Amino acid sequence: MRQQVVWAVAAVCLVVIAIVAFGPAGSALSQQRGEKVTNKIVKSDSDWRKLLTPEQYRVTRQKGTEAPFTGKYWNFKENGTYLCVACGQALFSSGTKYDAGCGWPSFWQPADSGRVDEKTDRSQGMSRTEVLCSRCGAHLGHVFPDGPHPTGLRYCINSAALAFEGDSSAAKSGEK
């Protein structure tokens, strides 16, 4: 009887350790399924100001918009991953980027649906869907229902909200 209790306690401890170490919200499997990541990043306003350039701060923390055809990535054609400039979370793949003719980087889907949050935006006398980084809450841009197949969506994202990480396999193949 005592041995059974010891084994039961050991099993419960292993389950608790597994949940803590590989909990459902932060696991790679949950990210593949598009589940929300719970490792939220929260910083003070002064910390965001220290981390970001004035333009990045205006766009990501004050919900600003850069002028069309002026951002670093609107006509950028490298292969790789677009990251949140504030926290580094992967947001969009160059494989889903396309020229929408609007003057901002446009994508037909995020790298993973759990990486972006969407919120109704009724500012400026219209109703739109705002796109935010799910990890740090940075304002990225807006999504519209006028994009190409297969999703029919156009994620219209400010360059100032993005950083870019080149595809290392493309860089290596370019060296040959």
C-alpha atoms as a PDB file:
ATOM      1  CA  MET A   1       0.000   0.000   0.000  1.00  0.00           C
ATOM      2  CA  ARG A   2       2.750   2.426   0.954  1.00  0.00           C
ATOM      3  CA  GLN A   3       4.586   1.701  -2.321  1.00  0.00           C
ATOM      4  CA  GLN A   4       1.414   2.546  -4.286  1.00  0.00           C
ATOM      5  CA  VAL A   5       1.137   5.902  -2.492  1.00  0.00           C
ATOM      6  CA  VAL A   6       4.782   6.692  -3.273  1.00  0.00           C
ATOM      7  CA  TRP A   7       4.233   5.860  -6.959  1.00  0.00           C
ATOM      8  CA  ALA A   8       1.059   7.961  -7.064  1.00  0.00           C
ATOM      9  CA  VAL A   9       2.829  10.952  -5.506  1.00  0.00           C
ATOM     10  CA  ALA A  10       5.740  10.546  -7.937  1.00  0.00           C
ATOM     11  CA  ALA A  11       3.347  10.420 -10.890  1.00  0.00           C
ATOM     12  CA  VAL A  12       1.549  13.575  -9.736  1.00  0.00           C
ATOM     13  CA  CYS A  13       4.897  15.355  -9.319  1.00  0.00           C
ATOM     14  CA  LEU A  14       5.935  14.382 -12.843  1.00  0.00           C
ATOM     15  CA  VAL A  15       2.651  15.657 -14.260  1.00  0.00           C
ATOM     16  CA  VAL A  16       3.018  18.973 -12.406  1.00  0.00           C
ATOM     17  CA  ILE A  17       6.620  19.346 -13.614  1.00  0.00           C
ATOM     18  CA  ALA A  18       5.559  18.592 -17.209  1.00  0.00           C
ATOM     19  CA  ILE A  19       2.751  21.155 -17.055  1.00  0.00           C
ATOM     20  CA  VAL A  20       5.064  23.820 -15.657  1.00  0.00           C
ATOM     21  CA  ALA A  21       7.874  23.078 -18.107  1.00  0.00           C
ATOM     22  CA  PHE A  22       5.796  22.376 -21.204  1.00  0.00           C
ATOM     23  CA  GLY A  23       2.503  24.057 -20.387  1.00  0.00           C
ATOM     24  CA  PRO A  24      -0.092  24.187 -23.138  1.00  0.00           C
ATOM     25  CA  ALA A  25       0.053  27.949 -23.711  1.00  0.00           C
ATOM     26  CA  GLY A  26       3.804  28.241 -24.279  1.00  0.00           C
ATOM     27  CA  SER A  27       4.538  25.001 -26.087  1.00  0.00           C
ATOM     28  CA  ALA A  28       5.646  24.764 -29.700  1.00  0.00           C
ATOM     29  CA  LEU A  29       2.638  22.546 -30.419  1.00  0.00           C
ATOM     30  CA  SER A  30       0.219  25.175 -29.152  1.00  0.00           C
ATOM     31  CA  GLN A  31       1.917  27.787 -31.348  1.00  0.00           C
ATOM     32  CA  GLN A  32       1.561  25.494 -34.371  1.00  0.00           C
ATOM     33  CA  ARG A  33      -2.153  25.240 -33.585  1.00  0.00           C
ATOM     34  CA  GLY A  34      -2.474  29.031 -33.431  1.00  0.00           C
ATOM     35  CA  GLU A  35      -3.134  29.154 -29.709  1.00  0.00           C
ATOM     36  CA  LYS A  36      -2.308  32.317 -27.810  1.00  0.00           C
ATOM     37  CA  VAL A  37       1.137  32.665 -26.285  1.00  0.00           C
ATOM     38  CA  THR A  38       0.927  33.657 -22.632  1.00  0.00           C
ATOM     39  CA  ASN A  39       4.458  34.971 -22.135  1.00  0.00           C
ATOM     40  CA  LYS A  40       3.197  38.538 -22.442  1.00  0.00           C
ATOM     41  CA  ILE A  41       5.725  41.349 -22.331  1.00  0.00           C
ATOM     42  CA  VAL A  42       4.715  44.311 -20.232  1.00  0.00           C
ATOM     43  CA  LYS A  43       6.904  47.407 -19.979  1.00  0.00           C
ATOM     44  CA  SER A  44       6.419  50.905 -18.667  1.00  0.00           C
ATOM     45  CA  ASP A  45       5.935  53.763 -21.084  1.00  0.00           C
ATOM     46  CA  SER A  46       9.429  55.045 -20.300  1.00  0.00           C
ATOM     47  CA  ASP A  47      10.915  51.599 -21.005  1.00  0.00           C
ATOM     48  CA  TRP A  48       9.186  51.472 -24.422  1.00  0.00           C
ATOM     49  CA  ARG A  49      10.497  54.976 -25.186  1.00  0.00           C
ATOM     50  CA  LYS A  50      14.053  53.866 -24.372  1.00  0.00           C
ATOM     51  CA  LEU A  51      13.751  50.723 -26.493  1.00  0.00           C
ATOM     52  CA  LEU A  52      12.097  52.172 -29.607  1.00  0.00           C
ATOM     53  CA  THR A  53      12.914  55.033 -31.973  1.00  0.00           C
ATOM     54  CA  PRO A  54      10.463  57.951 -31.820  1.00  0.00           C
ATOM     55  CA  GLU A  55       8.723  56.735 -35.021  1.00  0.00           C
ATOM     56  CA  GLN A  56       8.537  53.114 -33.790  1.00  0.00           C
ATOM     57  CA  TYR A  57       7.105  54.346 -30.489  1.00  0.00           C
ATOM     58  CA  ARG A  58       4.525  56.563 -32.231  1.00  0.00           C
ATOM     59  CA  VAL A  59       3.340  53.694 -34.420  1.00  0.00           C
ATOM     60  CA  THR A  60       3.472  50.748 -31.996  1.00  0.00           C
ATOM     61  CA  ARG A  61       2.537  52.372 -28.683  1.00  0.00           C
ATOM     62  CA  GLN A  62       0.387  55.324 -29.820  1.00  0.00           C
ATOM     63  CA  LYS A  63      -1.353  53.530 -32.725  1.00  0.00           C
ATOM     64  CA  GLY A  64       0.177  55.802 -35.351  1.00  0.00           C
ATOM     65  CA  THR A  65       0.423  55.204 -39.080  1.00  0.00           C
ATOM     66  CA  GLU A  66       3.413  55.964 -41.256  1.00  0.00           C
ATOM     67  CA  ALA A  67       2.857  57.725 -44.569  1.00  0.00           C
ATOM     68  CA  PRO A  68       2.300  55.344 -47.515  1.00  0.00           C
ATOM     69  CA  PHE A  69       5.267  54.464 -49.744  1.00  0.00           C
ATOM     70  CA  THR A  70       7.759  55.724 -47.132  1.00  0.00           C
ATOM     71  CA  GLY A  71       8.408  52.726 -44.877  1.00  0.00           C
ATOM     72  CA  LYS A  72      11.483  50.530 -45.067  1.00  0.00           C
ATOM     73  CA  TYR A  73       9.595  47.349 -46.025  1.00  0.00           C
ATOM     74  CA  TRP A  74       6.765  48.435 -48.359  1.00  0.00           C
ATOM     75  CA  ASN A  75       8.813  47.504 -51.470  1.00  0.00           C
ATOM     76  CA  PHE A  76      11.251  45.098 -49.756  1.00  0.00           C
ATOM     77  CA  LYS A  77      11.687  41.748 -51.500  1.00  0.00           C
ATOM     78  CA  GLU A  78      14.107  39.678 -49.365  1.00  0.00           C
ATOM     79  CA  ASN A  79      13.213  36.184 -48.135  1.00  0.00           C
ATOM     80  CA  GLY A  80      12.779  35.759 -44.418  1.00  0.00           C
ATOM     81  CA  THR A  81      10.605  36.572 -41.444  1.00  0.00           C
ATOM     82  CA  TYR A  82       9.112  39.865 -40.325  1.00  0.00           C
ATOM     83  CA  LEU A  83       9.301  40.337 -36.546  1.00  0.00           C
ATOM     84  CA  CYS A  84       7.640  42.672 -34.076  1.00  0.00           C
ATOM     85  CA  VAL A  85      10.063  45.590 -33.663  1.00  0.00           C
ATOM     86  CA  ALA A  86       9.124  45.903 -29.980  1.00  0.00           C
ATOM     87  CA  CYS A  87       9.510  42.304 -28.760  1.00  0.00           C
ATOM     88  CA  GLY A  88      10.996  40.249 -31.611  1.00  0.00           C
ATOM     89  CA  GLN A  89       8.076  37.843 -32.008  1.00  0.00           C
ATOM     90  CA  ALA A  90       7.848  36.333 -35.524  1.00  0.00           C
ATOM     91  CA  LEU A  91       4.739  37.782 -37.190  1.00  0.00           C
ATOM     92  CA  PHE A  92       4.786  37.335 -40.983  1.00  0.00           C
ATOM     93  CA  SER A  93       6.686  35.331 -43.585  1.00  0.00           C
ATOM     94  CA  SER A  94       7.999  36.831 -46.813  1.00  0.00           C
ATOM     95  CA  GLY A  95       6.177  33.955 -48.525  1.00  0.00           C
ATOM     96  CA  THR A  96       2.830  35.613 -47.736  1.00  0.00           C
ATOM     97  CA  LYS A  97       3.909  39.164 -48.623  1.00  0.00           C
ATOM     98  CA  TYR A  98       2.501  40.694 -51.796  1.00  0.00           C
ATOM     99  CA  ASP A  99       2.227  44.078 -53.518  1.00  0.00           C
ATOM    100  CA  ALA A 100      -1.229  45.424 -52.724  1.00  0.00           C
ATOM    101  CA  GLY A 101      -0.385  48.814 -54.203  1.00  0.00           C
ATOM    102  CA  CYS A 102      -1.324  50.551 -50.944  1.00  0.00           C
ATOM    103  CA  GLY A 103       2.170  51.701 -49.926  1.00  0.00           C
ATOM    104  CA  TRP A 104       2.518  49.525 -46.817  1.00  0.00           C
ATOM    105  CA  PRO A 105       3.863  45.985 -46.473  1.00  0.00           C
ATOM    106  CA  SER A 106       0.928  43.660 -47.125  1.00  0.00           C
ATOM    107  CA  PHE A 107       0.547  39.999 -46.207  1.00  0.00           C
ATOM    108  CA  TRP A 108      -2.298  37.565 -46.829  1.00  0.00           C
ATOM    109  CA  GLN A 109      -1.804  35.784 -43.486  1.00  0.00           C
ATOM    110  CA  PRO A 110       0.325  35.908 -40.331  1.00  0.00           C
ATOM    111  CA  ALA A 111       3.113  33.387 -39.759  1.00  0.00           C
ATOM    112  CA  ASP A 112       0.829  31.897 -37.102  1.00  0.00           C
ATOM    113  CA  SER A 113      -2.634  33.088 -36.128  1.00  0.00           C
ATOM    114  CA  GLY A 114      -1.667  33.041 -32.441  1.00  0.00           C
ATOM    115  CA  ARG A 115       1.016  35.662 -33.054  1.00  0.00           C
ATOM    116  CA  VAL A 116      -1.398  38.507 -33.795  1.00  0.00           C
ATOM    117  CA  ASP A 117      -4.498  39.774 -32.034  1.00  0.00           C
ATOM    118  CA  GLU A 118      -7.313  41.599 -33.785  1.00  0.00           C
ATOM    119  CA  LYS A 119      -9.468  44.331 -32.293  1.00  0.00           C
ATOM    120  CA  THR A 120     -12.238  46.523 -33.670  1.00  0.00           C
ATOM    121  CA  ASP A 121     -10.957  50.054 -34.349  1.00  0.00           C
ATOM    122  CA  ARG A 122     -13.607  52.763 -34.742  1.00  0.00           C
ATOM    123  CA  SER A 123     -11.188  55.701 -34.844  1.00  0.00           C
ATOM    124  CA  GLN A 124     -11.058  58.215 -37.686  1.00  0.00           C
ATOM    125  CA  GLY A 125     -14.773  57.904 -38.450  1.00  0.00           C
ATOM    126  CA  MET A 126     -14.662  54.332 -39.761  1.00  0.00           C
ATOM    127  CA  SER A 127     -14.746  50.749 -38.537  1.00  0.00           C
ATOM    128  CA  ARG A 128     -11.613  48.694 -39.205  1.00  0.00           C
ATOM    129  CA  THR A 129      -9.870  45.720 -37.657  1.00  0.00           C
ATOM    130  CA  GLU A 130      -6.661  46.636 -35.861  1.00  0.00           C
ATOM    131  CA  VAL A 131      -3.789  44.117 -35.800  1.00  0.00           C
ATOM    132  CA  LEU A 132      -1.660  43.880 -32.634  1.00  0.00           C
ATOM    133  CA  CYS A 133       1.309  41.763 -31.596  1.00  0.00           C
ATOM    134  CA  SER A 134      -0.076  39.082 -29.274  1.00  0.00           C
ATOM    135  CA  ARG A 135       3.026  39.134 -27.081  1.00  0.00           C
ATOM    136  CA  CYS A 136       3.559  42.847 -26.367  1.00  0.00           C
ATOM    137  CA  GLY A 137       0.394  44.524 -27.656  1.00  0.00           C
ATOM    138  CA  ALA A 138       2.218  46.647 -30.229  1.00  0.00           C
ATOM    139  CA  HIS A 139      -0.025  48.247 -32.846  1.00  0.00           C
ATOM    140  CA  LEU A 140       1.021  46.767 -36.196  1.00  0.00           C
ATOM    141  CA  GLY A 141      -1.595  48.045 -38.635  1.00  0.00           C
ATOM    142  CA  HIS A 142      -4.980  46.822 -39.896  1.00  0.00           C
ATOM    143  CA  VAL A 143      -6.455  43.846 -41.730  1.00  0.00           C
ATOM    144  CA  PHE A 144      -8.944  44.251 -44.575  1.00  0.00           C
ATOM    145  CA  PRO A 145     -11.128  41.702 -46.420  1.00  0.00           C
ATOM    146  CA  ASP A 146      -9.814  42.646 -49.885  1.00  0.00           C
ATOM    147  CA  GLY A 147      -6.706  40.473 -50.169  1.00  0.00           C
ATOM    148  CA  PRO A 148      -5.742  37.656 -52.518  1.00  0.00           C
ATOM    149  CA  HIS A 149      -6.541  33.960 -52.317  1.00  0.00           C
ATOM    150  CA  PRO A 150      -6.338  31.746 -50.358  1.00  0.00           C
ATOM    151  CA  THR A 151      -7.429  33.925 -47.389  1.00  0.00           C
ATOM    152  CA  GLY A 152      -8.927  36.993 -49.055  1.00  0.00           C
ATOM    153  CA  LEU A 153      -7.241  39.090 -46.359  1.00  0.00           C
ATOM    154  CA  ARG A 154      -4.813  42.010 -46.589  1.00  0.00           C
ATOM    155  CA  TYR A 155      -2.756  42.571 -43.462  1.00  0.00           C
ATOM    156  CA  CYS A 156      -1.627  46.151 -44.053  1.00  0.00           C
ATOM    157  CA  ILE A 157       1.295  46.598 -41.650  1.00  0.00           C
ATOM    158  CA  ASN A 158       3.451  49.616 -40.783  1.00  0.00           C
ATOM    159  CA  SER A 159       7.147  49.151 -41.593  1.00  0.00           C
ATOM    160  CA  ALA A 160       7.960  50.999 -38.360  1.00  0.00           C
ATOM    161  CA  ALA A 161       6.312  48.130 -36.435  1.00  0.00           C
ATOM    162  CA  LEU A 162       8.528  45.513 -38.090  1.00  0.00           C
ATOM    163  CA  ALA A 163      12.070  44.189 -37.998  1.00  0.00           C
ATOM    164  CA  PHE A 164      13.327  41.676 -40.542  1.00  0.00           C
ATOM    165  CA  GLU A 165      15.325  38.476 -40.169  1.00  0.00           C
ATOM    166  CA  GLY A 166      16.680  37.151 -43.449  1.00  0.00           C
ATOM    167  CA  ASP A 167      16.262  33.526 -44.401  1.00  0.00           C
ATOM    168  CA  SER A 168      19.610  31.905 -43.580  1.00  0.00           C
ATOM    169  CA  SER A 169      19.068  29.109 -46.099  1.00  0.00           C
ATOM    170  CA  ALA A 170      18.527  31.691 -48.864  1.00  0.00           C
ATOM    171  CA  ALA A 171      21.660  33.520 -47.787  1.00  0.00           C
ATOM    172  CA  LYS A 172      23.670  30.305 -47.837  1.00  0.00           C
ATOM    173  CA  SER A 173      22.372  29.281 -51.260  1.00  0.00           C
ATOM    174  CA  GLY A 174      23.231  32.766 -52.572  1.00  0.00           C
ATOM    175  CA  GLU A 175      26.846  32.282 -51.543  1.00  0.00           C
ATOM    176  CA  LYS A 176      27.323  29.226 -53.759  1.00  0.00           C
END
